[in-house]
Amino acid sequence: MVDKLALHERLELHEILTLKNLTLTKTATMKGLVGCKQLKEILETEADKGKDHVEQLNKLLQNGGVSS
């Protein structure tokens, strides 16, 4: 049986995607303003993970929840 996302699940995914995009933008902006090397590394790691999460959420929404 093919699993598809219900409407409320799609809406929740959109909300999560919006939040992830916002935090990714803030992280990328703050990364350029930070002077502490350790904090900059943390922000770079967070930005990389955030990009991966955004890509995964986009794929899930584009496929309608159908696993490939």
Foldseek 3Di string as FASTA:
>chain_A
DWDFDDPVRLVVLVVVLVVLVVVLVVLVVVLVVDDDPVVNVVSVVSNVVSVVVNVVSVVCNVVRNGDD
